[in-house]
Amino acid sequence: MKLYYILFDLMMAILFFLIGIYFYKSNGKAANFLTGYNMKSIDERKKFNEDTLCKDYGKKMMLWAIPFLIGIGIDIYSPGKGIRIASILWIILFLQFLIERHKRES
């Protein structure tokens, strides 16, 4: 069971890191994958710098990998505890992201 927790944390960290890199290096092309942004009209999209937007989102997604890397370290010594702590930290980061996004778009 210990290996399951470590592998899950590792896969989540890799997933968030790779998606973050994709967004960061997309030169704004990944903006179409952003929820809500792809539904905006062309005039509304002109208000945003897509390259900067994708770089910001990419950085955030790469940061979301960190709780799962911490979770791996904790799961090595206390199986199951690391994945719970990583999930809680990720939820906090995600909620913070949603609040910032709401403020940015209001």
PDB file of N, CA and C in Angstrom:
ATOM      1  N   MET A   1       0.823  -1.198   0.000  1.00  0.00           N
ATOM      2  CA  MET A   1       0.000   0.000   0.000  1.00  0.00           C
ATOM      3  C   MET A   1       0.861   1.253   0.000  1.00  0.00           C
ATOM      4  N   LYS A   2       2.015   1.196   0.660  1.00  0.00           N
ATOM      5  CA  LYS A   2       2.926   2.333   0.727  1.00  0.00           C
ATOM      6  C   LYS A   2       3.346   2.766  -0.679  1.00  0.00           C
ATOM      7  N   LEU A   3       3.631   1.799  -1.528  1.00  0.00           N
ATOM      8  CA  LEU A   3       4.055   2.085  -2.889  1.00  0.00           C
ATOM      9  C   LEU A   3       2.940   2.774  -3.678  1.00  0.00           C
ATOM     10  N   TYR A   4       1.696   2.392  -3.439  1.00  0.00           N
ATOM     11  CA  TYR A   4       0.554   3.019  -4.116  1.00  0.00           C
ATOM     12  C   TYR A   4       0.509   4.512  -3.810  1.00  0.00           C
ATOM     13  N   TYR A   5       0.655   4.872  -2.546  1.00  0.00           N
ATOM     14  CA  TYR A   5       0.605   6.285  -2.159  1.00  0.00           C
ATOM     15  C   TYR A   5       1.741   7.064  -2.812  1.00  0.00           C
ATOM     16  N   ILE A   6       2.924   6.489  -2.800  1.00  0.00           N
ATOM     17  CA  ILE A   6       4.078   7.165  -3.383  1.00  0.00           C
ATOM     18  C   ILE A   6       3.897   7.329  -4.896  1.00  0.00           C
ATOM     19  N   LEU A   7       3.438   6.285  -5.574  1.00  0.00           N
ATOM     20  CA  LEU A   7       3.222   6.358  -7.010  1.00  0.00           C
ATOM     21  C   LEU A   7       2.124   7.360  -7.374  1.00  0.00           C
ATOM     22  N   PHE A   8       1.067   7.387  -6.570  1.00  0.00           N
ATOM     23  CA  PHE A   8      -0.008   8.348  -6.834  1.00  0.00           C
ATOM     24  C   PHE A   8       0.517   9.772  -6.703  1.00  0.00           C
ATOM     25  N   ASP A   9       1.251  10.048  -5.626  1.00  0.00           N
ATOM     26  CA  ASP A   9       1.830  11.383  -5.442  1.00  0.00           C
ATOM     27  C   ASP A   9       2.772  11.725  -6.590  1.00  0.00           C
ATOM     28  N   LEU A  10       3.582  10.771  -6.997  1.00  0.00           N
ATOM     29  CA  LEU A  10       4.538  10.997  -8.076  1.00  0.00           C
ATOM     30  C   LEU A  10       3.817  11.290  -9.394  1.00  0.00           C
ATOM     31  N   MET A  11       2.791  10.521  -9.691  1.00  0.00           N
ATOM     32  CA  MET A  11       2.046  10.735 -10.935  1.00  0.00           C
ATOM     33  C   MET A  11       1.344  12.095 -10.942  1.00  0.00           C
ATOM     34  N   MET A  12       0.785  12.497  -9.817  1.00  0.00           N
ATOM     35  CA  MET A  12       0.141  13.813  -9.732  1.00  0.00           C
ATOM     36  C   MET A  12       1.171  14.925  -9.919  1.00  0.00           C
ATOM     37  N   ALA A  13       2.322  14.781  -9.292  1.00  0.00           N
ATOM     38  CA  ALA A  13       3.376  15.789  -9.428  1.00  0.00           C
ATOM     39  C   ALA A  13       3.832  15.895 -10.875  1.00  0.00           C
ATOM     40  N   ILE A  14       4.061  14.761 -11.518  1.00  0.00           N
ATOM     41  CA  ILE A  14       4.496  14.759 -12.918  1.00  0.00           C
ATOM     42  C   ILE A  14       3.421  15.369 -13.809  1.00  0.00           C
ATOM     43  N   LEU A  15       2.175  14.997 -13.579  1.00  0.00           N
ATOM     44  CA  LEU A  15       1.066  15.507 -14.379  1.00  0.00           C
ATOM     45  C   LEU A  15       0.974  17.034 -14.299  1.00  0.00           C
ATOM     46  N   PHE A  16       0.952  17.572 -13.089  1.00  0.00           N
ATOM     47  CA  PHE A  16       0.849  19.020 -12.935  1.00  0.00           C
ATOM     48  C   PHE A  16       2.068  19.723 -13.505  1.00  0.00           C
ATOM     49  N   PHE A  17       3.244  19.152 -13.312  1.00  0.00           N
ATOM     50  CA  PHE A  17       4.456  19.772 -13.826  1.00  0.00           C
ATOM     51  C   PHE A  17       4.458  19.795 -15.358  1.00  0.00           C
ATOM     52  N   LEU A  18       4.100  18.699 -15.990  1.00  0.00           N
ATOM     53  CA  LEU A  18       4.093  18.637 -17.454  1.00  0.00           C
ATOM     54  C   LEU A  18       3.023  19.545 -18.059  1.00  0.00           C
ATOM     55  N   ILE A  19       1.846  19.574 -17.461  1.00  0.00           N
ATOM     56  CA  ILE A  19       0.802  20.471 -17.962  1.00  0.00           C
ATOM     57  C   ILE A  19       1.234  21.920 -17.783  1.00  0.00           C
ATOM     58  N   GLY A  20       1.864  22.222 -16.654  1.00  0.00           N
ATOM     59  CA  GLY A  20       2.373  23.571 -16.410  1.00  0.00           C
ATOM     60  C   GLY A  20       3.413  23.978 -17.433  1.00  0.00           C
ATOM     61  N   ILE A  21       4.320  23.077 -17.760  1.00  0.00           N
ATOM     62  CA  ILE A  21       5.337  23.370 -18.781  1.00  0.00           C
ATOM     63  C   ILE A  21       4.676  23.603 -20.134  1.00  0.00           C
ATOM     64  N   TYR A  22       3.692  22.770 -20.449  1.00  0.00           N
ATOM     65  CA  TYR A  22       2.983  22.939 -21.718  1.00  0.00           C
ATOM     66  C   TYR A  22       2.361  24.338 -21.801  1.00  0.00           C
ATOM     67  N   PHE A  23       1.666  24.750 -20.756  1.00  0.00           N
ATOM     68  CA  PHE A  23       1.043  26.078 -20.755  1.00  0.00           C
ATOM     69  C   PHE A  23       2.109  27.165 -20.838  1.00  0.00           C
ATOM     70  N   TYR A  24       3.177  27.029 -20.066  1.00  0.00           N
ATOM     71  CA  TYR A  24       4.216  28.056 -20.005  1.00  0.00           C
ATOM     72  C   TYR A  24       4.896  28.249 -21.358  1.00  0.00           C
ATOM     73  N   LYS A  25       5.138  27.167 -22.067  1.00  0.00           N
ATOM     74  CA  LYS A  25       5.881  27.237 -23.327  1.00  0.00           C
ATOM     75  C   LYS A  25       4.983  27.315 -24.563  1.00  0.00           C
ATOM     76  N   SER A  26       3.686  27.463 -24.375  1.00  0.00           N
ATOM     77  CA  SER A  26       2.759  27.418 -25.512  1.00  0.00           C
ATOM     78  C   SER A  26       2.678  28.721 -26.295  1.00  0.00           C
ATOM     79  N   ASN A  27       3.305  29.781 -25.818  1.00  0.00           N
ATOM     80  CA  ASN A  27       3.225  31.094 -26.481  1.00  0.00           C
ATOM     81  C   ASN A  27       1.777  31.561 -26.656  1.00  0.00           C
ATOM     82  N   GLY A  28       0.937  31.238 -25.677  1.00  0.00           N
ATOM     83  CA  GLY A  28      -0.453  31.674 -25.697  1.00  0.00           C
ATOM     84  C   GLY A  28      -1.412  30.724 -26.383  1.00  0.00           C
ATOM     85  N   LYS A  29      -0.894  29.693 -27.018  1.00  0.00           N
ATOM     86  CA  LYS A  29      -1.767  28.766 -27.745  1.00  0.00           C
ATOM     87  C   LYS A  29      -2.606  27.890 -26.817  1.00  0.00           C
ATOM     88  N   ALA A  30      -2.182  27.715 -25.586  1.00  0.00           N
ATOM     89  CA  ALA A  30      -2.923  26.876 -24.641  1.00  0.00           C
ATOM     90  C   ALA A  30      -4.102  27.620 -24.016  1.00  0.00           C
ATOM     91  N   ALA A  31      -4.265  28.881 -24.334  1.00  0.00           N
ATOM     92  CA  ALA A  31      -5.360  29.671 -23.753  1.00  0.00           C
ATOM     93  C   ALA A  31      -6.722  29.061 -24.081  1.00  0.00           C
ATOM     94  N   ASN A  32      -6.825  28.379 -25.189  1.00  0.00           N
ATOM     95  CA  ASN A  32      -8.101  27.754 -25.564  1.00  0.00           C
ATOM     96  C   ASN A  32      -8.511  26.647 -24.606  1.00  0.00           C
ATOM     97  N   PHE A  33      -7.571  26.128 -23.815  1.00  0.00           N
ATOM     98  CA  PHE A  33      -7.889  25.079 -22.852  1.00  0.00           C
ATOM     99  C   PHE A  33      -8.352  25.629 -21.504  1.00  0.00           C
ATOM    100  N   LEU A  34      -8.329  26.949 -21.345  1.00  0.00           N
ATOM    101  CA  LEU A  34      -8.737  27.555 -20.078  1.00  0.00           C
ATOM    102  C   LEU A  34     -10.258  27.643 -20.018  1.00  0.00           C
ATOM    103  N   THR A  35     -10.798  27.128 -18.945  1.00  0.00           N
ATOM    104  CA  THR A  35     -12.247  27.130 -18.775  1.00  0.00           C
ATOM    105  C   THR A  35     -12.777  28.559 -18.774  1.00  0.00           C
ATOM    106  N   GLY A  36     -13.786  28.787 -19.554  1.00  0.00           N
ATOM    107  CA  GLY A  36     -14.395  30.106 -19.615  1.00  0.00           C
ATOM    108  C   GLY A  36     -13.748  31.006 -20.650  1.00  0.00           C
ATOM    109  N   TYR A  37     -12.434  30.926 -20.764  1.00  0.00           N
ATOM    110  CA  TYR A  37     -11.736  31.779 -21.729  1.00  0.00           C
ATOM    111  C   TYR A  37     -12.112  31.393 -23.159  1.00  0.00           C
ATOM    112  N   ASN A  38     -12.225  30.108 -23.396  1.00  0.00           N
ATOM    113  CA  ASN A  38     -12.571  29.651 -24.742  1.00  0.00           C
ATOM    114  C   ASN A  38     -14.014  29.990 -25.122  1.00  0.00           C
ATOM    115  N   MET A  39     -14.804  30.411 -24.158  1.00  0.00           N
ATOM    116  CA  MET A  39     -16.199  30.772 -24.418  1.00  0.00           C
ATOM    117  C   MET A  39     -16.359  32.272 -24.686  1.00  0.00           C
ATOM    118  N   LYS A  40     -15.290  33.041 -24.459  1.00  0.00           N
ATOM    119  CA  LYS A  40     -15.360  34.490 -24.649  1.00  0.00           C
ATOM    120  C   LYS A  40     -15.360  34.830 -26.140  1.00  0.00           C
ATOM    121  N   SER A  41     -15.964  35.969 -26.442  1.00  0.00           N
ATOM    122  CA  SER A  41     -15.975  36.426 -27.833  1.00  0.00           C
ATOM    123  C   SER A  41     -14.567  36.908 -28.213  1.00  0.00           C
ATOM    124  N   ILE A  42     -14.352  37.081 -29.474  1.00  0.00           N
ATOM    125  CA  ILE A  42     -13.040  37.535 -29.961  1.00  0.00           C
ATOM    126  C   ILE A  42     -12.710  38.904 -29.396  1.00  0.00           C
ATOM    127  N   ASP A  43     -13.731  39.777 -29.293  1.00  0.00           N
ATOM    128  CA  ASP A  43     -13.496  41.108 -28.718  1.00  0.00           C
ATOM    129  C   ASP A  43     -13.072  41.029 -27.257  1.00  0.00           C
ATOM    130  N   GLU A  44     -13.690  40.129 -26.494  1.00  0.00           N
ATOM    131  CA  GLU A  44     -13.318  39.958 -25.086  1.00  0.00           C
ATOM    132  C   GLU A  44     -11.920  39.376 -24.951  1.00  0.00           C
ATOM    133  N   ARG A  45     -11.545  38.492 -25.859  1.00  0.00           N
ATOM    134  CA  ARG A  45     -10.216  37.874 -25.820  1.00  0.00           C
ATOM    135  C   ARG A  45      -9.111  38.885 -26.095  1.00  0.00           C
ATOM    136  N   LYS A  46      -9.426  39.916 -26.862  1.00  0.00           N
ATOM    137  CA  LYS A  46      -8.419  40.931 -27.180  1.00  0.00           C
ATOM    138  C   LYS A  46      -7.983  41.716 -25.944  1.00  0.00           C
ATOM    139  N   LYS A  47      -8.769  41.666 -24.889  1.00  0.00           N
ATOM    140  CA  LYS A  47      -8.428  42.368 -23.645  1.00  0.00           C
ATOM    141  C   LYS A  47      -7.300  41.669 -22.889  1.00  0.00           C
ATOM    142  N   PHE A  48      -7.007  40.422 -23.243  1.00  0.00           N
ATOM    143  CA  PHE A  48      -6.027  39.615 -22.529  1.00  0.00           C
ATOM    144  C   PHE A  48      -4.784  39.389 -23.392  1.00  0.00           C
ATOM    145  N   ASN A  49      -3.646  39.360 -22.758  1.00  0.00           N
ATOM    146  CA  ASN A  49      -2.407  38.952 -23.415  1.00  0.00           C
ATOM    147  C   ASN A  49      -2.305  37.441 -23.196  1.00  0.00           C
ATOM    148  N   GLU A  50      -2.577  36.676 -24.231  1.00  0.00           N
ATOM    149  CA  GLU A  50      -2.652  35.221 -24.097  1.00  0.00           C
ATOM    150  C   GLU A  50      -1.330  34.601 -23.684  1.00  0.00           C
ATOM    151  N   ASP A  51      -0.215  35.160 -24.155  1.00  0.00           N
ATOM    152  CA  ASP A  51       1.094  34.621 -23.779  1.00  0.00           C
ATOM    153  C   ASP A  51       1.331  34.779 -22.281  1.00  0.00           C
ATOM    154  N   THR A  52       1.064  35.968 -21.756  1.00  0.00           N
ATOM    155  CA  THR A  52       1.236  36.212 -20.318  1.00  0.00           C
ATOM    156  C   THR A  52       0.266  35.368 -19.506  1.00  0.00           C
ATOM    157  N   LEU A  53      -0.956  35.258 -19.986  1.00  0.00           N
ATOM    158  CA  LEU A  53      -1.968  34.459 -19.301  1.00  0.00           C
ATOM    159  C   LEU A  53      -1.518  33.003 -19.182  1.00  0.00           C
ATOM    160  N   CYS A  54      -1.036  32.442 -20.284  1.00  0.00           N
ATOM    161  CA  CYS A  54      -0.584  31.042 -20.274  1.00  0.00           C
ATOM    162  C   CYS A  54       0.655  30.865 -19.397  1.00  0.00           C
ATOM    163  N   LYS A  55       1.556  31.836 -19.407  1.00  0.00           N
ATOM    164  CA  LYS A  55       2.744  31.739 -18.548  1.00  0.00           C
ATOM    165  C   LYS A  55       2.335  31.761 -17.075  1.00  0.00           C
ATOM    166  N   ASP A  56       1.406  32.634 -16.708  1.00  0.00           N
ATOM    167  CA  ASP A  56       0.928  32.705 -15.315  1.00  0.00           C
ATOM    168  C   ASP A  56       0.269  31.393 -14.893  1.00  0.00           C
ATOM    169  N   TYR A  57      -0.586  30.877 -15.751  1.00  0.00           N
ATOM    170  CA  TYR A  57      -1.278  29.626 -15.427  1.00  0.00           C
ATOM    171  C   TYR A  57      -0.284  28.469 -15.379  1.00  0.00           C
ATOM    172  N   GLY A  58       0.677  28.477 -16.281  1.00  0.00           N
ATOM    173  CA  GLY A  58       1.688  27.430 -16.297  1.00  0.00           C
ATOM    174  C   GLY A  58       2.508  27.412 -15.017  1.00  0.00           C
ATOM    175  N   LYS A  59       2.903  28.591 -14.533  1.00  0.00           N
ATOM    176  CA  LYS A  59       3.652  28.677 -13.277  1.00  0.00           C
ATOM    177  C   LYS A  59       2.833  28.126 -12.119  1.00  0.00           C
ATOM    178  N   LYS A  60       1.569  28.496 -12.084  1.00  0.00           N
ATOM    179  CA  LYS A  60       0.710  28.014 -11.002  1.00  0.00           C
ATOM    180  C   LYS A  60       0.585  26.496 -11.039  1.00  0.00           C
ATOM    181  N   MET A  61       0.409  25.949 -12.236  1.00  0.00           N
ATOM    182  CA  MET A  61       0.259  24.496 -12.344  1.00  0.00           C
ATOM    183  C   MET A  61       1.538  23.775 -11.944  1.00  0.00           C
ATOM    184  N   MET A  62       2.698  24.345 -12.290  1.00  0.00           N
ATOM    185  CA  MET A  62       3.953  23.732 -11.864  1.00  0.00           C
ATOM    186  C   MET A  62       4.096  23.783 -10.345  1.00  0.00           C
ATOM    187  N   LEU A  63       3.604  24.855  -9.731  1.00  0.00           N
ATOM    188  CA  LEU A  63       3.636  24.951  -8.262  1.00  0.00           C
ATOM    189  C   LEU A  63       2.724  23.918  -7.617  1.00  0.00           C
ATOM    190  N   TRP A  64       1.652  23.549  -8.316  1.00  0.00           N
ATOM    191  CA  TRP A  64       0.734  22.547  -7.767  1.00  0.00           C
ATOM    192  C   TRP A  64       1.393  21.182  -7.637  1.00  0.00           C
ATOM    193  N   ALA A  65       2.526  20.978  -8.281  1.00  0.00           N
ATOM    194  CA  ALA A  65       3.251  19.707  -8.157  1.00  0.00           C
ATOM    195  C   ALA A  65       3.959  19.604  -6.808  1.00  0.00           C
ATOM    196  N   ILE A  66       4.301  20.727  -6.218  1.00  0.00           N
ATOM    197  CA  ILE A  66       5.098  20.732  -4.980  1.00  0.00           C
ATOM    198  C   ILE A  66       4.417  19.996  -3.822  1.00  0.00           C
ATOM    199  N   PRO A  67       3.114  20.214  -3.551  1.00  0.00           N
ATOM    200  CA  PRO A  67       2.505  19.464  -2.445  1.00  0.00           C
ATOM    201  C   PRO A  67       2.621  17.945  -2.613  1.00  0.00           C
ATOM    202  N   PHE A  68       2.565  17.486  -3.850  1.00  0.00           N
ATOM    203  CA  PHE A  68       2.651  16.040  -4.074  1.00  0.00           C
ATOM    204  C   PHE A  68       4.081  15.529  -3.914  1.00  0.00           C
ATOM    205  N   LEU A  69       5.056  16.373  -4.213  1.00  0.00           N
ATOM    206  CA  LEU A  69       6.439  15.990  -3.939  1.00  0.00           C
ATOM    207  C   LEU A  69       6.676  15.911  -2.434  1.00  0.00           C
ATOM    208  N   ILE A  70       6.102  16.839  -1.704  1.00  0.00           N
ATOM    209  CA  ILE A  70       6.177  16.794  -0.234  1.00  0.00           C
ATOM    210  C   ILE A  70       5.466  15.535   0.264  1.00  0.00           C
ATOM    211  N   GLY A  71       4.326  15.225  -0.353  1.00  0.00           N
ATOM    212  CA  GLY A  71       3.563  14.029   0.012  1.00  0.00           C
ATOM    213  C   GLY A  71       4.369  12.754  -0.152  1.00  0.00           C
ATOM    214  N   ILE A  72       5.210  12.693  -1.186  1.00  0.00           N
ATOM    215  CA  ILE A  72       6.061  11.516  -1.386  1.00  0.00           C
ATOM    216  C   ILE A  72       6.983  11.338  -0.186  1.00  0.00           C
ATOM    217  N   GLY A  73       7.612  12.427   0.232  1.00  0.00           N
ATOM    218  CA  GLY A  73       8.518  12.361   1.375  1.00  0.00           C
ATOM    219  C   GLY A  73       7.819  11.912   2.643  1.00  0.00           C
ATOM    220  N   ILE A  74       6.626  12.392   2.861  1.00  0.00           N
ATOM    221  CA  ILE A  74       5.876  12.019   4.062  1.00  0.00           C
ATOM    222  C   ILE A  74       5.398  10.567   3.960  1.00  0.00           C
ATOM    223  N   ASP A  75       4.936  10.163   2.780  1.00  0.00           N
ATOM    224  CA  ASP A  75       4.437   8.795   2.597  1.00  0.00           C
ATOM    225  C   ASP A  75       5.524   7.735   2.775  1.00  0.00           C
ATOM    226  N   ILE A  76       6.757   8.100   2.547  1.00  0.00           N
ATOM    227  CA  ILE A  76       7.853   7.149   2.755  1.00  0.00           C
ATOM    228  C   ILE A  76       7.928   6.741   4.225  1.00  0.00           C
ATOM    229  N   TYR A  77       7.703   7.690   5.126  1.00  0.00           N
ATOM    230  CA  TYR A  77       7.804   7.424   6.556  1.00  0.00           C
ATOM    231  C   TYR A  77       6.464   7.133   7.229  1.00  0.00           C
ATOM    232  N   SER A  78       5.396   7.671   6.639  1.00  0.00           N
ATOM    233  CA  SER A  78       4.073   7.480   7.224  1.00  0.00           C
ATOM    234  C   SER A  78       3.050   7.297   6.097  1.00  0.00           C
ATOM    235  N   PRO A  79       2.934   6.073   5.564  1.00  0.00           N
ATOM    236  CA  PRO A  79       2.071   5.826   4.405  1.00  0.00           C
ATOM    237  C   PRO A  79       0.627   6.302   4.611  1.00  0.00           C
ATOM    238  N   GLY A  80       0.133   7.032   3.625  1.00  0.00           N
ATOM    239  CA  GLY A  80      -1.239   7.524   3.659  1.00  0.00           C
ATOM    240  C   GLY A  80      -1.355   8.938   4.188  1.00  0.00           C
ATOM    241  N   LYS A  81      -0.477   9.309   5.081  1.00  0.00           N
ATOM    242  CA  LYS A  81      -0.534  10.651   5.655  1.00  0.00           C
ATOM    243  C   LYS A  81      -0.079  11.697   4.625  1.00  0.00           C
ATOM    244  N   GLY A  82       0.930  11.355   3.840  1.00  0.00           N
ATOM    245  CA  GLY A  82       1.462  12.283   2.853  1.00  0.00           C
ATOM    246  C   GLY A  82       0.460  12.626   1.773  1.00  0.00           C
ATOM    247  N   ILE A  83      -0.273  11.633   1.317  1.00  0.00           N
ATOM    248  CA  ILE A  83      -1.251  11.876   0.259  1.00  0.00           C
ATOM    249  C   ILE A  83      -2.394  12.763   0.778  1.00  0.00           C
ATOM    250  N   ARG A  84      -2.771  12.580   2.029  1.00  0.00           N
ATOM    251  CA  ARG A  84      -3.821  13.431   2.618  1.00  0.00           C
ATOM    252  C   ARG A  84      -3.323  14.865   2.767  1.00  0.00           C
ATOM    253  N   ILE A  85      -2.104  15.026   3.269  1.00  0.00           N
ATOM    254  CA  ILE A  85      -1.545  16.369   3.435  1.00  0.00           C
ATOM    255  C   ILE A  85      -1.375  17.040   2.069  1.00  0.00           C
ATOM    256  N   ALA A  86      -0.861  16.283   1.090  1.00  0.00           N
ATOM    257  CA  ALA A  86      -0.690  16.833  -0.260  1.00  0.00           C
ATOM    258  C   ALA A  86      -2.023  17.270  -0.851  1.00  0.00           C
ATOM    259  N   SER A  87      -3.048  16.467  -0.667  1.00  0.00           N
ATOM    260  CA  SER A  87      -4.369  16.805  -1.203  1.00  0.00           C
ATOM    261  C   SER A  87      -4.928  18.060  -0.545  1.00  0.00           C
ATOM    262  N   ILE A  88      -4.766  18.175   0.754  1.00  0.00           N
ATOM    263  CA  ILE A  88      -5.247  19.372   1.463  1.00  0.00           C
ATOM    264  C   ILE A  88      -4.490  20.611   0.995  1.00  0.00           C
ATOM    265  N   LEU A  89      -3.163  20.508   0.873  1.00  0.00           N
ATOM    266  CA  LEU A  89      -2.371  21.642   0.398  1.00  0.00           C
ATOM    267  C   LEU A  89      -2.765  22.022  -1.026  1.00  0.00           C
ATOM    268  N   TRP A  90      -2.992  21.008  -1.872  1.00  0.00           N
ATOM    269  CA  TRP A  90      -3.384  21.296  -3.242  1.00  0.00           C
ATOM    270  C   TRP A  90      -4.748  21.985  -3.282  1.00  0.00           C
ATOM    271  N   ILE A  91      -5.678  21.528  -2.473  1.00  0.00           N
ATOM    272  CA  ILE A  91      -7.011  22.161  -2.430  1.00  0.00           C
ATOM    273  C   ILE A  91      -6.888  23.619  -2.015  1.00  0.00           C
ATOM    274  N   ILE A  92      -6.040  23.893  -1.033  1.00  0.00           N
ATOM    275  CA  ILE A  92      -5.823  25.282  -0.598  1.00  0.00           C
ATOM    276  C   ILE A  92      -5.262  26.121  -1.743  1.00  0.00           C
ATOM    277  N   LEU A  93      -4.247  25.593  -2.438  1.00  0.00           N
ATOM    278  CA  LEU A  93      -3.668  26.315  -3.568  1.00  0.00           C
ATOM    279  C   LEU A  93      -4.686  26.522  -4.683  1.00  0.00           C
ATOM    280  N   PHE A  94      -5.500  25.515  -4.932  1.00  0.00           N
ATOM    281  CA  PHE A  94      -6.505  25.609  -5.984  1.00  0.00           C
ATOM    282  C   PHE A  94      -7.577  26.641  -5.633  1.00  0.00           C
ATOM    283  N   LEU A  95      -8.026  26.651  -4.380  1.00  0.00           N
ATOM    284  CA  LEU A  95      -9.023  27.652  -3.954  1.00  0.00           C
ATOM    285  C   LEU A  95      -8.442  29.061  -4.049  1.00  0.00           C
ATOM    286  N   GLN A  96      -7.186  29.198  -3.668  1.00  0.00           N
ATOM    287  CA  GLN A  96      -6.517  30.493  -3.783  1.00  0.00           C
ATOM    288  C   GLN A  96      -6.476  30.932  -5.253  1.00  0.00           C
ATOM    289  N   PHE A  97      -6.181  29.991  -6.124  1.00  0.00           N
ATOM    290  CA  PHE A  97      -6.153  30.259  -7.562  1.00  0.00           C
ATOM    291  C   PHE A  97      -7.527  30.711  -8.055  1.00  0.00           C
ATOM    292  N   LEU A  98      -8.587  30.017  -7.631  1.00  0.00           N
ATOM    293  CA  LEU A  98      -9.939  30.387  -8.062  1.00  0.00           C
ATOM    294  C   LEU A  98     -10.316  31.789  -7.585  1.00  0.00           C
ATOM    295  N   ILE A  99      -9.936  32.126  -6.370  1.00  0.00           N
ATOM    296  CA  ILE A  99     -10.218  33.466  -5.838  1.00  0.00           C
ATOM    297  C   ILE A  99      -9.478  34.527  -6.649  1.00  0.00           C
ATOM    298  N   GLU A 100      -8.188  34.290  -6.924  1.00  0.00           N
ATOM    299  CA  GLU A 100      -7.408  35.232  -7.728  1.00  0.00           C
ATOM    300  C   GLU A 100      -7.991  35.378  -9.132  1.00  0.00           C
ATOM    301  N   ARG A 101      -8.401  34.271  -9.711  1.00  0.00           N
ATOM    302  CA  ARG A 101      -8.963  34.300 -11.056  1.00  0.00           C
ATOM    303  C   ARG A 101     -10.268  35.087 -11.077  1.00  0.00           C
ATOM    304  N   HIS A 102     -11.098  34.886 -10.051  1.00  0.00           N
ATOM    305  CA  HIS A 102     -12.363  35.623  -9.971  1.00  0.00           C
ATOM    306  C   HIS A 102     -12.096  37.133  -9.874  1.00  0.00           C
ATOM    307  N   LYS A 103     -11.113  37.500  -9.053  1.00  0.00           N
ATOM    308  CA  LYS A 103     -10.763  38.927  -8.917  1.00  0.00           C
ATOM    309  C   LYS A 103     -10.239  39.488 -10.221  1.00  0.00           C
ATOM    310  N   ARG A 104      -9.431  38.702 -10.939  1.00  0.00           N
ATOM    311  CA  ARG A 104      -8.832  39.151 -12.188  1.00  0.00           C
ATOM    312  C   ARG A 104      -9.897  39.389 -13.259  1.00  0.00           C
ATOM    313  N   GLU A 105     -10.908  38.540 -13.280  1.00  0.00           N
ATOM    314  CA  GLU A 105     -11.912  38.631 -14.334  1.00  0.00           C
ATOM    315  C   GLU A 105     -13.078  39.533 -13.975  1.00  0.00           C
ATOM    316  N   SER A 106     -13.145  39.998 -12.763  1.00  0.00           N
ATOM    317  CA  SER A 106     -14.269  40.873 -12.370  1.00  0.00           C
ATOM    318  C   SER A 106     -14.009  42.309 -12.752  1.00  0.00           C
TER     319      SER A 106
END
